[in-house]
Amino acid sequence: MESSPQSGNKDIVPIAIPGIHDKFYVYLKSLLKNFSTPLILDMGAGHGYLVKKLFNNGYHVQAADLYPEFIIATKYPVSEPT
């Protein structure tokens, strides 16, 4: 799944430990501060909560999940594995 400029999805509820995505985002942001345009791969994207958060904050994001049909971020193109 590669990010798209359109992000008008309904609210995405994370399916992980409550608050973990927001804590990880702060940590990841501190690691990436020296990169101009990093490409982030979210393996195990779930519903796409972190993908949407990263994309909406200017990051280039690609995501993968064993069950891509679970990804709620429908405005992002989803491709099946080959």
Protein backbone atom coordinates (compact mmCIF):
# COMPACT_ATOMS: atom_id res chain seq x y z
CA MET A 1 0.00 0.00 0.00
CA GLU A 2 1.55 3.31 -1.00
CA SER A 3 0.41 6.65 0.33
CA SER A 4 -1.82 8.91 -1.70
CA PRO A 5 -2.51 12.66 -1.46
CA GLN A 6 -6.12 11.95 -0.54
CA SER A 7 -6.64 11.22 3.13
CA GLY A 8 -10.34 11.88 3.71
CA ASN A 9 -10.99 8.61 5.51
CA LYS A 10 -13.32 8.07 8.40
CA ASP A 11 -11.64 7.99 11.79
CA ILE A 12 -9.39 4.98 12.11
CA VAL A 13 -9.35 3.26 15.48
CA PRO A 14 -6.01 1.60 16.22
CA ILE A 15 -6.09 -2.13 16.98
CA ALA A 16 -3.00 -2.08 19.21
CA ILE A 17 -2.27 -1.20 22.83
CA PRO A 18 -4.00 2.15 23.51
CA GLY A 19 -1.62 5.07 22.95
CA ILE A 20 1.22 2.98 21.52
CA HIS A 21 1.02 4.54 18.03
CA ASP A 22 1.27 8.08 19.40
CA LYS A 23 4.26 7.17 21.60
CA PHE A 24 5.95 5.40 18.71
CA TYR A 25 5.30 8.39 16.43
CA VAL A 26 7.15 10.71 18.84
CA TYR A 27 10.05 8.24 19.01
CA LEU A 28 10.15 7.75 15.22
CA LYS A 29 10.00 11.50 14.60
CA SER A 30 13.09 11.97 16.80
CA LEU A 31 14.95 9.27 14.84
CA LEU A 32 14.02 10.76 11.45
CA LYS A 33 14.77 14.42 12.19
CA ASN A 34 18.03 14.30 10.20
CA PHE A 35 16.41 12.85 7.06
CA SER A 36 14.85 15.16 4.48
CA THR A 37 12.24 12.82 2.95
CA PRO A 38 12.38 9.38 4.51
CA LEU A 39 10.34 6.52 3.06
CA ILE A 40 8.69 4.56 5.85
CA LEU A 41 7.49 0.98 5.52
CA ASP A 42 4.84 -0.02 8.06
CA MET A 43 4.85 -3.82 8.25
CA GLY A 44 1.74 -5.11 9.97
CA ALA A 45 -0.20 -1.91 9.29
CA GLY A 46 -3.48 -3.23 10.66
CA HIS A 47 -6.24 -0.70 10.08
CA GLY A 48 -3.72 1.90 8.89
CA TYR A 49 -3.82 4.27 11.90
CA LEU A 50 -0.06 4.88 11.96
CA VAL A 51 0.10 5.09 8.15
CA LYS A 52 -2.49 7.86 8.12
CA LYS A 53 -0.79 9.72 11.00
CA LEU A 54 2.59 9.58 9.28
CA PHE A 55 1.19 10.58 5.88
CA ASN A 56 -0.78 13.49 7.32
CA ASN A 57 2.44 14.73 8.93
CA GLY A 58 4.32 14.81 5.63
CA TYR A 59 6.05 11.44 5.55
CA HIS A 60 6.20 9.14 2.52
CA VAL A 61 4.64 5.88 3.67
CA GLN A 62 4.19 2.37 2.34
CA ALA A 63 2.37 -0.26 4.32
CA ALA A 64 1.87 -3.99 4.26
CA ASP A 65 -0.31 -6.36 6.21
CA LEU A 66 -0.93 -10.07 6.01
CA TYR A 67 -4.63 -9.20 5.62
CA PRO A 68 -4.77 -6.01 3.49
CA GLU A 69 -8.57 -6.12 3.58
CA PHE A 70 -8.34 -5.02 7.24
CA ILE A 71 -6.82 -1.69 6.23
CA ILE A 72 -9.50 0.96 6.71
CA ALA A 73 -7.50 3.77 5.09
CA THR A 74 -9.45 3.28 1.88
CA LYS A 75 -8.25 6.44 0.14
CA TYR A 76 -4.81 4.88 -0.03
CA PRO A 77 -4.26 2.45 -2.91
CA VAL A 78 -3.95 -1.16 -1.74
CA SER A 79 -2.25 -3.82 -3.80
CA GLU A 80 -2.34 -7.57 -3.26
CA PRO A 81 0.95 -9.43 -2.97
CA THR A 82 2.14 -11.26 -6.07
